[in-house]
Amino acid sequence: MFGVIRKTVPALAAGLLGGVLAAVAVAQFYQPAQPHLAVIDLRQLVDARKNRLLLEEHDLDKAGRELKAYIEKLQQAIERRAASGEVILVMGAVVAGGRDITSEVKRALEKD
């Protein structure tokens, strides 16, 4: 009887260890990817455009329309980046981490 136990316990231990290792390997393989965090300073972009319009445009109604159009283009640019998988955070909401994409979005808007 003790002979059976001596053979069974190591076999059970080996099976258990193999099962745990397999579970860890599967969990690593199927673990969802971490989101790519990006940070944007909306205030910087909007204030820079607003200040430029106020200096260049003497018609305040026209400046307001142009600023509104700029904000809509800004929203579209952010939506495109979010659709590609980035999680976009506003600068004031970020404690730490995340890549600052403010200048990238600004360059993209200037091309349009």
PDB file of N, CA and C in Angstrom:
ATOM      1  N   MET A   1       0.810  -1.186   0.000  1.00  0.00           N
ATOM      2  CA  MET A   1       0.000   0.000   0.000  1.00  0.00           C
ATOM      3  C   MET A   1       0.861   1.262   0.000  1.00  0.00           C
ATOM      4  N   PHE A   2       1.906   1.303   0.832  1.00  0.00           N
ATOM      5  CA  PHE A   2       2.774   2.479   0.853  1.00  0.00           C
ATOM      6  C   PHE A   2       3.526   2.642  -0.463  1.00  0.00           C
ATOM      7  N   GLY A   3       3.756   1.551  -1.159  1.00  0.00           N
ATOM      8  CA  GLY A   3       4.414   1.617  -2.462  1.00  0.00           C
ATOM      9  C   GLY A   3       3.563   2.370  -3.476  1.00  0.00           C
ATOM     10  N   VAL A   4       2.255   2.150  -3.417  1.00  0.00           N
ATOM     11  CA  VAL A   4       1.334   2.849  -4.327  1.00  0.00           C
ATOM     12  C   VAL A   4       1.322   4.334  -4.006  1.00  0.00           C
ATOM     13  N   ILE A   5       1.307   4.664  -2.721  1.00  0.00           N
ATOM     14  CA  ILE A   5       1.291   6.074  -2.301  1.00  0.00           C
ATOM     15  C   ILE A   5       2.583   6.751  -2.725  1.00  0.00           C
ATOM     16  N   ARG A   6       3.726   6.055  -2.562  1.00  0.00           N
ATOM     17  CA  ARG A   6       5.017   6.634  -2.944  1.00  0.00           C
ATOM     18  C   ARG A   6       5.074   6.930  -4.441  1.00  0.00           C
ATOM     19  N   LYS A   7       4.411   6.128  -5.231  1.00  0.00           N
ATOM     20  CA  LYS A   7       4.410   6.360  -6.675  1.00  0.00           C
ATOM     21  C   LYS A   7       3.348   7.387  -7.077  1.00  0.00           C
ATOM     22  N   THR A   8       2.249   7.441  -6.370  1.00  0.00           N
ATOM     23  CA  THR A   8       1.127   8.303  -6.740  1.00  0.00           C
ATOM     24  C   THR A   8       1.389   9.764  -6.376  1.00  0.00           C
ATOM     25  N   VAL A   9       1.942  10.020  -5.202  1.00  0.00           N
ATOM     26  CA  VAL A   9       2.153  11.401  -4.738  1.00  0.00           C
ATOM     27  C   VAL A   9       3.082  12.163  -5.675  1.00  0.00           C
ATOM     28  N   PRO A  10       4.249  11.617  -6.080  1.00  0.00           N
ATOM     29  CA  PRO A  10       5.081  12.371  -7.027  1.00  0.00           C
ATOM     30  C   PRO A  10       4.384  12.585  -8.367  1.00  0.00           C
ATOM     31  N   ALA A  11       3.613  11.611  -8.808  1.00  0.00           N
ATOM     32  CA  ALA A  11       2.903  11.755 -10.076  1.00  0.00           C
ATOM     33  C   ALA A  11       1.849  12.860  -9.970  1.00  0.00           C
ATOM     34  N   LEU A  12       1.132  12.904  -8.856  1.00  0.00           N
ATOM     35  CA  LEU A  12       0.140  13.964  -8.651  1.00  0.00           C
ATOM     36  C   LEU A  12       0.815  15.336  -8.569  1.00  0.00           C
ATOM     37  N   ALA A  13       1.937  15.400  -7.862  1.00  0.00           N
ATOM     38  CA  ALA A  13       2.667  16.667  -7.728  1.00  0.00           C
ATOM     39  C   ALA A  13       3.161  17.140  -9.093  1.00  0.00           C
ATOM     40  N   ALA A  14       3.681  16.224  -9.891  1.00  0.00           N
ATOM     41  CA  ALA A  14       4.169  16.580 -11.220  1.00  0.00           C
ATOM     42  C   ALA A  14       3.001  17.042 -12.098  1.00  0.00           C
ATOM     43  N   GLY A  15       1.874  16.369 -12.003  1.00  0.00           N
ATOM     44  CA  GLY A  15       0.698  16.762 -12.773  1.00  0.00           C
ATOM     45  C   GLY A  15       0.182  18.123 -12.360  1.00  0.00           C
ATOM     46  N   LEU A  16       0.162  18.374 -11.060  1.00  0.00           N
ATOM     47  CA  LEU A  16      -0.288  19.664 -10.548  1.00  0.00           C
ATOM     48  C   LEU A  16       0.649  20.780 -11.010  1.00  0.00           C
ATOM     49  N   LEU A  17       1.949  20.550 -10.898  1.00  0.00           N
ATOM     50  CA  LEU A  17       2.930  21.542 -11.338  1.00  0.00           C
ATOM     51  C   LEU A  17       2.787  21.813 -12.837  1.00  0.00           C
ATOM     52  N   GLY A  18       2.623  20.747 -13.614  1.00  0.00           N
ATOM     53  CA  GLY A  18       2.434  20.916 -15.057  1.00  0.00           C
ATOM     54  C   GLY A  18       1.176  21.700 -15.368  1.00  0.00           C
ATOM     55  N   GLY A  19       0.109  21.427 -14.638  1.00  0.00           N
ATOM     56  CA  GLY A  19      -1.141  22.162 -14.842  1.00  0.00           C
ATOM     57  C   GLY A  19      -1.005  23.642 -14.514  1.00  0.00           C
ATOM     58  N   VAL A  20      -0.305  23.932 -13.416  1.00  0.00           N
ATOM     59  CA  VAL A  20      -0.102  25.337 -13.024  1.00  0.00           C
ATOM     60  C   VAL A  20       0.736  26.057 -14.073  1.00  0.00           C
ATOM     61  N   LEU A  21       1.801  25.424 -14.534  1.00  0.00           N
ATOM     62  CA  LEU A  21       2.651  26.052 -15.551  1.00  0.00           C
ATOM     63  C   LEU A  21       1.877  26.276 -16.852  1.00  0.00           C
ATOM     64  N   ALA A  22       1.057  25.319 -17.224  1.00  0.00           N
ATOM     65  CA  ALA A  22       0.243  25.470 -18.436  1.00  0.00           C
ATOM     66  C   ALA A  22      -0.753  26.617 -18.276  1.00  0.00           C
ATOM     67  N   ALA A  23      -1.362  26.731 -17.112  1.00  0.00           N
ATOM     68  CA  ALA A  23      -2.320  27.808 -16.865  1.00  0.00           C
ATOM     69  C   ALA A  23      -1.638  29.175 -16.936  1.00  0.00           C
ATOM     70  N   VAL A  24      -0.432  29.264 -16.380  1.00  0.00           N
ATOM     71  CA  VAL A  24       0.310  30.534 -16.429  1.00  0.00           C
ATOM     72  C   VAL A  24       0.649  30.881 -17.873  1.00  0.00           C
ATOM     73  N   ALA A  25       1.090  29.886 -18.638  1.00  0.00           N
ATOM     74  CA  ALA A  25       1.440  30.129 -20.043  1.00  0.00           C
ATOM     75  C   ALA A  25       0.219  30.592 -20.834  1.00  0.00           C
ATOM     76  N   VAL A  26      -0.917  29.956 -20.629  1.00  0.00           N
ATOM     77  CA  VAL A  26      -2.143  30.344 -21.341  1.00  0.00           C
ATOM     78  C   VAL A  26      -2.576  31.741 -20.917  1.00  0.00           C
ATOM     79  N   ALA A  27      -2.488  32.046 -19.633  1.00  0.00           N
ATOM     80  CA  ALA A  27      -2.889  33.372 -19.143  1.00  0.00           C
ATOM     81  C   ALA A  27      -2.007  34.460 -19.752  1.00  0.00           C
ATOM     82  N   GLN A  28      -0.720  34.198 -19.890  1.00  0.00           N
ATOM     83  CA  GLN A  28       0.184  35.178 -20.492  1.00  0.00           C
ATOM     84  C   GLN A  28      -0.155  35.391 -21.967  1.00  0.00           C
ATOM     85  N   PHE A  29      -0.512  34.312 -22.653  1.00  0.00           N
ATOM     86  CA  PHE A  29      -0.806  34.392 -24.075  1.00  0.00           C
ATOM     87  C   PHE A  29      -2.099  35.161 -24.332  1.00  0.00           C
ATOM     88  N   TYR A  30      -3.099  34.942 -23.514  1.00  0.00           N
ATOM     89  CA  TYR A  30      -4.407  35.550 -23.736  1.00  0.00           C
ATOM     90  C   TYR A  30      -4.635  36.836 -22.960  1.00  0.00           C
ATOM     91  N   GLN A  31      -3.634  37.310 -22.265  1.00  0.00           N
ATOM     92  CA  GLN A  31      -3.778  38.544 -21.500  1.00  0.00           C
ATOM     93  C   GLN A  31      -3.962  39.709 -22.479  1.00  0.00           C
ATOM     94  N   PRO A  32      -4.975  40.524 -22.283  1.00  0.00           N
ATOM     95  CA  PRO A  32      -5.195  41.628 -23.212  1.00  0.00           C
ATOM     96  C   PRO A  32      -4.032  42.618 -23.166  1.00  0.00           C
ATOM     97  N   ALA A  33      -3.764  43.227 -24.300  1.00  0.00           N
ATOM     98  CA  ALA A  33      -2.687  44.200 -24.393  1.00  0.00           C
ATOM     99  C   ALA A  33      -3.023  45.434 -23.563  1.00  0.00           C
ATOM    100  N   GLN A  34      -2.001  46.027 -23.007  1.00  0.00           N
ATOM    101  CA  GLN A  34      -2.182  47.257 -22.252  1.00  0.00           C
ATOM    102  C   GLN A  34      -2.510  48.390 -23.237  1.00  0.00           C
ATOM    103  N   PRO A  35      -3.432  49.266 -22.890  1.00  0.00           N
ATOM    104  CA  PRO A  35      -3.768  50.359 -23.803  1.00  0.00           C
ATOM    105  C   PRO A  35      -2.602  51.340 -23.917  1.00  0.00           C
ATOM    106  N   HIS A  36      -2.504  51.982 -25.071  1.00  0.00           N
ATOM    107  CA  HIS A  36      -1.497  53.016 -25.287  1.00  0.00           C
ATOM    108  C   HIS A  36      -2.089  54.333 -24.801  1.00  0.00           C
ATOM    109  N   LEU A  37      -1.530  54.862 -23.737  1.00  0.00           N
ATOM    110  CA  LEU A  37      -2.035  56.119 -23.187  1.00  0.00           C
ATOM    111  C   LEU A  37      -1.364  57.285 -23.892  1.00  0.00           C
ATOM    112  N   ALA A  38      -2.156  58.278 -24.237  1.00  0.00           N
ATOM    113  CA  ALA A  38      -1.653  59.500 -24.845  1.00  0.00           C
ATOM    114  C   ALA A  38      -2.299  60.680 -24.130  1.00  0.00           C
ATOM    115  N   VAL A  39      -1.556  61.760 -24.036  1.00  0.00           N
ATOM    116  CA  VAL A  39      -2.012  62.947 -23.318  1.00  0.00           C
ATOM    117  C   VAL A  39      -2.030  64.117 -24.294  1.00  0.00           C
ATOM    118  N   ILE A  40      -3.063  64.940 -24.207  1.00  0.00           N
ATOM    119  CA  ILE A  40      -3.144  66.126 -25.065  1.00  0.00           C
ATOM    120  C   ILE A  40      -3.508  67.336 -24.219  1.00  0.00           C
ATOM    121  N   ASP A  41      -2.869  68.456 -24.525  1.00  0.00           N
ATOM    122  CA  ASP A  41      -3.151  69.711 -23.827  1.00  0.00           C
ATOM    123  C   ASP A  41      -4.090  70.531 -24.709  1.00  0.00           C
ATOM    124  N   LEU A  42      -5.382  70.318 -24.522  1.00  0.00           N
ATOM    125  CA  LEU A  42      -6.378  71.013 -25.341  1.00  0.00           C
ATOM    126  C   LEU A  42      -6.346  72.521 -25.124  1.00  0.00           C
ATOM    127  N   ARG A  43      -6.138  72.919 -23.913  1.00  0.00           N
ATOM    128  CA  ARG A  43      -6.108  74.357 -23.605  1.00  0.00           C
ATOM    129  C   ARG A  43      -4.999  75.044 -24.398  1.00  0.00           C
ATOM    130  N   GLN A  44      -3.833  74.418 -24.466  1.00  0.00           N
ATOM    131  CA  GLN A  44      -2.713  75.004 -25.204  1.00  0.00           C
ATOM    132  C   GLN A  44      -3.068  75.180 -26.679  1.00  0.00           C
ATOM    133  N   LEU A  45      -3.645  74.146 -27.273  1.00  0.00           N
ATOM    134  CA  LEU A  45      -3.985  74.208 -28.694  1.00  0.00           C
ATOM    135  C   LEU A  45      -5.059  75.254 -28.979  1.00  0.00           C
ATOM    136  N   VAL A  46      -6.122  75.248 -28.192  1.00  0.00           N
ATOM    137  CA  VAL A  46      -7.232  76.176 -28.433  1.00  0.00           C
ATOM    138  C   VAL A  46      -6.815  77.611 -28.127  1.00  0.00           C
ATOM    139  N   ASP A  47      -6.080  77.821 -27.034  1.00  0.00           N
ATOM    140  CA  ASP A  47      -5.637  79.183 -26.704  1.00  0.00           C
ATOM    141  C   ASP A  47      -4.692  79.739 -27.761  1.00  0.00           C
ATOM    142  N   ALA A  48      -3.790  78.910 -28.280  1.00  0.00           N
ATOM    143  CA  ALA A  48      -2.862  79.376 -29.311  1.00  0.00           C
ATOM    144  C   ALA A  48      -3.631  79.791 -30.561  1.00  0.00           C
ATOM    145  N   ARG A  49      -4.612  78.999 -30.976  1.00  0.00           N
ATOM    146  CA  ARG A  49      -5.404  79.347 -32.166  1.00  0.00           C
ATOM    147  C   ARG A  49      -6.233  80.595 -31.903  1.00  0.00           C
ATOM    148  N   LYS A  50      -6.848  80.673 -30.714  1.00  0.00           N
ATOM    149  CA  LYS A  50      -7.677  81.834 -30.371  1.00  0.00           C
ATOM    150  C   LYS A  50      -6.834  83.112 -30.400  1.00  0.00           C
ATOM    151  N   ASN A  51      -5.660  83.080 -29.791  1.00  0.00           N
ATOM    152  CA  ASN A  51      -4.798  84.262 -29.753  1.00  0.00           C
ATOM    153  C   ASN A  51      -4.363  84.678 -31.155  1.00  0.00           C
ATOM    154  N   ARG A  52      -4.044  83.693 -32.009  1.00  0.00           N
ATOM    155  CA  ARG A  52      -3.649  84.006 -33.370  1.00  0.00           C
ATOM    156  C   ARG A  52      -4.808  84.646 -34.136  1.00  0.00           C
ATOM    157  N   LEU A  53      -6.010  84.102 -33.963  1.00  0.00           N
ATOM    158  CA  LEU A  53      -7.180  84.663 -34.645  1.00  0.00           C
ATOM    159  C   LEU A  53      -7.477  86.081 -34.172  1.00  0.00           C
ATOM    160  N   LEU A  54      -7.328  86.319 -32.884  1.00  0.00           N
ATOM    161  CA  LEU A  54      -7.607  87.659 -32.357  1.00  0.00           C
ATOM    162  C   LEU A  54      -6.618  88.696 -32.888  1.00  0.00           C
ATOM    163  N   LEU A  55      -5.388  88.269 -33.140  1.00  0.00           N
ATOM    164  CA  LEU A  55      -4.400  89.191 -33.688  1.00  0.00           C
ATOM    165  C   LEU A  55      -4.609  89.428 -35.185  1.00  0.00           C
ATOM    166  N   GLU A  56      -5.005  88.377 -35.906  1.00  0.00           N
ATOM    167  CA  GLU A  56      -5.112  88.460 -37.360  1.00  0.00           C
ATOM    168  C   GLU A  56      -6.491  88.905 -37.856  1.00  0.00           C
ATOM    169  N   GLU A  57      -7.512  88.498 -37.163  1.00  0.00           N
ATOM    170  CA  GLU A  57      -8.882  88.711 -37.642  1.00  0.00           C
ATOM    171  C   GLU A  57      -9.539  89.841 -36.857  1.00  0.00           C
ATOM    172  N   HIS A  58     -10.022  90.839 -37.584  1.00  0.00           N
ATOM    173  CA  HIS A  58     -10.662  91.976 -36.917  1.00  0.00           C
ATOM    174  C   HIS A  58     -12.169  91.774 -36.778  1.00  0.00           C
ATOM    175  N   ASP A  59     -12.716  90.850 -37.519  1.00  0.00           N
ATOM    176  CA  ASP A  59     -14.141  90.537 -37.434  1.00  0.00           C
ATOM    177  C   ASP A  59     -14.314  89.426 -36.395  1.00  0.00           C
ATOM    178  N   LEU A  60     -14.868  89.772 -35.241  1.00  0.00           N
ATOM    179  CA  LEU A  60     -14.986  88.801 -34.145  1.00  0.00           C
ATOM    180  C   LEU A  60     -15.922  87.653 -34.485  1.00  0.00           C
ATOM    181  N   ASP A  61     -16.972  87.918 -35.264  1.00  0.00           N
ATOM    182  CA  ASP A  61     -17.877  86.827 -35.665  1.00  0.00           C
ATOM    183  C   ASP A  61     -17.137  85.809 -36.527  1.00  0.00           C
ATOM    184  N   LYS A  62     -16.349  86.316 -37.467  1.00  0.00           N
ATOM    185  CA  LYS A  62     -15.577  85.420 -38.336  1.00  0.00           C
ATOM    186  C   LYS A  62     -14.539  84.649 -37.522  1.00  0.00           C
ATOM    187  N   ALA A  63     -13.891  85.324 -36.576  1.00  0.00           N
ATOM    188  CA  ALA A  63     -12.911  84.659 -35.716  1.00  0.00           C
ATOM    189  C   ALA A  63     -13.578  83.553 -34.901  1.00  0.00           C
ATOM    190  N   GLY A  64     -14.786  83.825 -34.418  1.00  0.00           N
ATOM    191  CA  GLY A  64     -15.525  82.818 -33.658  1.00  0.00           C
ATOM    192  C   GLY A  64     -15.871  81.608 -34.509  1.00  0.00           C
ATOM    193  N   ARG A  65     -16.281  81.856 -35.762  1.00  0.00           N
ATOM    194  CA  ARG A  65     -16.589  80.740 -36.669  1.00  0.00           C
ATOM    195  C   ARG A  65     -15.336  79.918 -36.986  1.00  0.00           C
ATOM    196  N   GLU A  66     -14.227  80.610 -37.209  1.00  0.00           N
ATOM    197  CA  GLU A  66     -12.977  79.904 -37.513  1.00  0.00           C
ATOM    198  C   GLU A  66     -12.497  79.089 -36.305  1.00  0.00           C
ATOM    199  N   LEU A  67     -12.662  79.635 -35.113  1.00  0.00           N
ATOM    200  CA  LEU A  67     -12.269  78.896 -33.911  1.00  0.00           C
ATOM    201  C   LEU A  67     -13.157  77.669 -33.731  1.00  0.00           C
ATOM    202  N   LYS A  68     -14.437  77.821 -33.995  1.00  0.00           N
ATOM    203  CA  LYS A  68     -15.351  76.678 -33.897  1.00  0.00           C
ATOM    204  C   LYS A  68     -14.963  75.597 -34.906  1.00  0.00           C
ATOM    205  N   ALA A  69     -14.624  75.998 -36.135  1.00  0.00           N
ATOM    206  CA  ALA A  69     -14.200  75.028 -37.154  1.00  0.00           C
ATOM    207  C   ALA A  69     -12.907  74.337 -36.731  1.00  0.00           C
ATOM    208  N   TYR A  70     -11.995  75.088 -36.121  1.00  0.00           N
ATOM    209  CA  TYR A  70     -10.741  74.502 -35.637  1.00  0.00           C
ATOM    210  C   TYR A  70     -11.012  73.465 -34.553  1.00  0.00           C
ATOM    211  N   ILE A  71     -11.911  73.779 -33.641  1.00  0.00           N
ATOM    212  CA  ILE A  71     -12.240  72.848 -32.558  1.00  0.00           C
ATOM    213  C   ILE A  71     -12.875  71.579 -33.129  1.00  0.00           C
ATOM    214  N   GLU A  72     -13.697  71.704 -34.148  1.00  0.00           N
ATOM    215  CA  GLU A  72     -14.287  70.518 -34.783  1.00  0.00           C
ATOM    216  C   GLU A  72     -13.216  69.658 -35.447  1.00  0.00           C
ATOM    217  N   LYS A  73     -12.244  70.298 -36.122  1.00  0.00           N
ATOM    218  CA  LYS A  73     -11.139  69.546 -36.719  1.00  0.00           C
ATOM    219  C   LYS A  73     -10.287  68.879 -35.645  1.00  0.00           C
ATOM    220  N   LEU A  74     -10.107  69.575 -34.527  1.00  0.00           N
ATOM    221  CA  LEU A  74      -9.360  69.015 -33.404  1.00  0.00           C
ATOM    222  C   LEU A  74     -10.063  67.772 -32.870  1.00  0.00           C
ATOM    223  N   GLN A  75     -11.365  67.853 -32.737  1.00  0.00           N
ATOM    224  CA  GLN A  75     -12.133  66.705 -32.264  1.00  0.00           C
ATOM    225  C   GLN A  75     -12.000  65.530 -33.232  1.00  0.00           C
ATOM    226  N   GLN A  76     -12.064  65.780 -34.517  1.00  0.00           N
ATOM    227  CA  GLN A  76     -11.914  64.711 -35.509  1.00  0.00           C
ATOM    228  C   GLN A  76     -10.528  64.077 -35.439  1.00  0.00           C
ATOM    229  N   ALA A  77      -9.497  64.903 -35.248  1.00  0.00           N
ATOM    230  CA  ALA A  77      -8.136  64.376 -35.149  1.00  0.00           C
ATOM    231  C   ALA A  77      -7.987  63.475 -33.925  1.00  0.00           C
ATOM    232  N   ILE A  78      -8.596  63.875 -32.820  1.00  0.00           N
ATOM    233  CA  ILE A  78      -8.537  63.067 -31.600  1.00  0.00           C
ATOM    234  C   ILE A  78      -9.320  61.774 -31.797  1.00  0.00           C
ATOM    235  N   GLU A  79     -10.475  61.853 -32.436  1.00  0.00           N
ATOM    236  CA  GLU A  79     -11.278  60.652 -32.687  1.00  0.00           C
ATOM    237  C   GLU A  79     -10.536  59.659 -33.575  1.00  0.00           C
ATOM    238  N   ARG A  80      -9.795  60.159 -34.578  1.00  0.00           N
ATOM    239  CA  ARG A  80      -9.010  59.262 -35.441  1.00  0.00           C
ATOM    240  C   ARG A  80      -7.949  58.523 -34.639  1.00  0.00           C
ATOM    241  N   ARG A  81      -7.283  59.240 -33.754  1.00  0.00           N
ATOM    242  CA  ARG A  81      -6.244  58.607 -32.932  1.00  0.00           C
ATOM    243  C   ARG A  81      -6.867  57.607 -31.973  1.00  0.00           C
ATOM    244  N   ALA A  82      -8.014  57.943 -31.404  1.00  0.00           N
ATOM    245  CA  ALA A  82      -8.688  57.015 -30.487  1.00  0.00           C
ATOM    246  C   ALA A  82      -9.140  55.763 -31.234  1.00  0.00           C
ATOM    247  N   ALA A  83      -9.578  55.926 -32.475  1.00  0.00           N
ATOM    248  CA  ALA A  83     -10.011  54.771 -33.266  1.00  0.00           C
ATOM    249  C   ALA A  83      -8.854  53.829 -33.563  1.00  0.00           C
ATOM    250  N   SER A  84      -7.628  54.359 -33.549  1.00  0.00           N
ATOM    251  CA  SER A  84      -6.464  53.513 -33.810  1.00  0.00           C
ATOM    252  C   SER A  84      -5.997  52.782 -32.553  1.00  0.00           C
ATOM    253  N   GLY A  85      -6.701  52.982 -31.451  1.00  0.00           N
ATOM    254  CA  GLY A  85      -6.383  52.218 -30.242  1.00  0.00           C
ATOM    255  C   GLY A  85      -5.769  53.010 -29.112  1.00  0.00           C
ATOM    256  N   GLU A  86      -5.508  54.278 -29.322  1.00  0.00           N
ATOM    257  CA  GLU A  86      -4.940  55.085 -28.245  1.00  0.00           C
ATOM    258  C   GLU A  86      -6.043  55.513 -27.271  1.00  0.00           C
ATOM    259  N   VAL A  87      -5.694  55.586 -26.019  1.00  0.00           N
ATOM    260  CA  VAL A  87      -6.585  56.147 -25.010  1.00  0.00           C
ATOM    261  C   VAL A  87      -6.093  57.574 -24.781  1.00  0.00           C
ATOM    262  N   ILE A  88      -6.905  58.553 -25.161  1.00  0.00           N
ATOM    263  CA  ILE A  88      -6.516  59.954 -25.111  1.00  0.00           C
ATOM    264  C   ILE A  88      -7.009  60.563 -23.794  1.00  0.00           C
ATOM    265  N   LEU A  89      -6.080  61.149 -23.059  1.00  0.00           N
ATOM    266  CA  LEU A  89      -6.406  61.807 -21.799  1.00  0.00           C
ATOM    267  C   LEU A  89      -6.092  63.296 -21.912  1.00  0.00           C
ATOM    268  N   VAL A  90      -6.903  64.105 -21.263  1.00  0.00           N
ATOM    269  CA  VAL A  90      -6.669  65.547 -21.246  1.00  0.00           C
ATOM    270  C   VAL A  90      -5.582  65.838 -20.213  1.00  0.00           C
ATOM    271  N   MET A  91      -4.698  66.757 -20.542  1.00  0.00           N
ATOM    272  CA  MET A  91      -3.513  67.032 -19.725  1.00  0.00           C
ATOM    273  C   MET A  91      -3.835  67.184 -18.237  1.00  0.00           C
ATOM    274  N   GLY A  92      -4.852  67.909 -17.872  1.00  0.00           N
ATOM    275  CA  GLY A  92      -5.160  68.135 -16.466  1.00  0.00           C
ATOM    276  C   GLY A  92      -5.619  66.891 -15.727  1.00  0.00           C
ATOM    277  N   ALA A  93      -6.025  65.859 -16.451  1.00  0.00           N
ATOM    278  CA  ALA A  93      -6.537  64.644 -15.825  1.00  0.00           C
ATOM    279  C   ALA A  93      -5.453  63.611 -15.574  1.00  0.00           C
ATOM    280  N   VAL A  94      -4.232  63.895 -15.986  1.00  0.00           N
ATOM    281  CA  VAL A  94      -3.162  62.901 -15.921  1.00  0.00           C
ATOM    282  C   VAL A  94      -2.271  63.163 -14.725  1.00  0.00           C
ATOM    283  N   VAL A  95      -2.073  62.129 -13.928  1.00  0.00           N
ATOM    284  CA  VAL A  95      -1.162  62.241 -12.797  1.00  0.00           C
ATOM    285  C   VAL A  95       0.259  61.953 -13.268  1.00  0.00           C
ATOM    286  N   ALA A  96       0.437  60.847 -13.975  1.00  0.00           N
ATOM    287  CA  ALA A  96       1.756  60.472 -14.495  1.00  0.00           C
ATOM    288  C   ALA A  96       1.563  59.499 -15.649  1.00  0.00           C
ATOM    289  N   GLY A  97       2.540  59.457 -16.514  1.00  0.00           N
ATOM    290  CA  GLY A  97       2.510  58.509 -17.623  1.00  0.00           C
ATOM    291  C   GLY A  97       1.778  59.066 -18.816  1.00  0.00           C
ATOM    292  N   GLY A  98       1.830  58.344 -19.887  1.00  0.00           N
ATOM    293  CA  GLY A  98       1.186  58.778 -21.115  1.00  0.00           C
ATOM    294  C   GLY A  98       2.107  59.646 -21.943  1.00  0.00           C
ATOM    295  N   ARG A  99       2.072  59.431 -23.229  1.00  0.00           N
ATOM    296  CA  ARG A  99       2.904  60.179 -24.170  1.00  0.00           C
ATOM    297  C   ARG A  99       2.158  61.432 -24.581  1.00  0.00           C
ATOM    298  N   ASP A 100       2.817  62.590 -24.533  1.00  0.00           N
ATOM    299  CA  ASP A 100       2.192  63.856 -24.904  1.00  0.00           C
ATOM    300  C   ASP A 100       2.112  63.938 -26.431  1.00  0.00           C
ATOM    301  N   ILE A 101       0.901  64.007 -26.952  1.00  0.00           N
ATOM    302  CA  ILE A 101       0.683  64.044 -28.397  1.00  0.00           C
ATOM    303  C   ILE A 101       0.248  65.424 -28.876  1.00  0.00           C
ATOM    304  N   THR A 102       0.340  66.426 -28.008  1.00  0.00           N
ATOM    305  CA  THR A 102      -0.140  67.766 -28.347  1.00  0.00           C
ATOM    306  C   THR A 102       0.523  68.289 -29.619  1.00  0.00           C
ATOM    307  N   SER A 103       1.844  68.215 -29.708  1.00  0.00           N
ATOM    308  CA  SER A 103       2.544  68.754 -30.877  1.00  0.00           C
ATOM    309  C   SER A 103       2.242  67.933 -32.127  1.00  0.00           C
ATOM    310  N   GLU A 104       2.059  66.624 -31.982  1.00  0.00           N
ATOM    311  CA  GLU A 104       1.728  65.780 -33.137  1.00  0.00           C
ATOM    312  C   GLU A 104       0.364  66.162 -33.703  1.00  0.00           C
ATOM    313  N   VAL A 105      -0.611  66.361 -32.820  1.00  0.00           N
ATOM    314  CA  VAL A 105      -1.956  66.737 -33.272  1.00  0.00           C
ATOM    315  C   VAL A 105      -1.924  68.129 -33.886  1.00  0.00           C
ATOM    316  N   LYS A 106      -1.138  69.023 -33.304  1.00  0.00           N
ATOM    317  CA  LYS A 106      -1.029  70.385 -33.834  1.00  0.00           C
ATOM    318  C   LYS A 106      -0.458  70.357 -35.247  1.00  0.00           C
ATOM    319  N   ARG A 107       0.584  69.554 -35.481  1.00  0.00           N
ATOM    320  CA  ARG A 107       1.154  69.445 -36.830  1.00  0.00           C
ATOM    321  C   ARG A 107       0.142  68.849 -37.808  1.00  0.00           C
ATOM    322  N   ALA A 108      -0.604  67.849 -37.355  1.00  0.00           N
ATOM    323  CA  ALA A 108      -1.614  67.229 -38.217  1.00  0.00           C
ATOM    324  C   ALA A 108      -2.700  68.234 -38.601  1.00  0.00           C
ATOM    325  N   LEU A 109      -3.095  69.078 -37.656  1.00  0.00           N
ATOM    326  CA  LEU A 109      -4.121  70.088 -37.941  1.00  0.00           C
ATOM    327  C   LEU A 109      -3.600  71.157 -38.891  1.00  0.00           C
ATOM    328  N   GLU A 110      -2.326  71.482 -38.785  1.00  0.00           N
ATOM    329  CA  GLU A 110      -1.752  72.500 -39.650  1.00  0.00           C
ATOM    330  C   GLU A 110      -1.670  72.016 -41.097  1.00  0.00           C
ATOM    331  N   LYS A 111      -1.554  70.697 -41.289  1.00  0.00           N
ATOM    332  CA  LYS A 111      -1.502  70.123 -42.638  1.00  0.00           C
ATOM    333  C   LYS A 111      -2.855  70.210 -43.322  1.00  0.00           C
ATOM    334  N   ASP A 112      -3.943  70.100 -42.537  1.00  0.00           N
ATOM    335  CA  ASP A 112      -5.306  70.122 -43.119  1.00  0.00           C
ATOM    336  C   ASP A 112      -5.666  71.481 -43.643  1.00  0.00           C
TER     337      ASP A 112
END
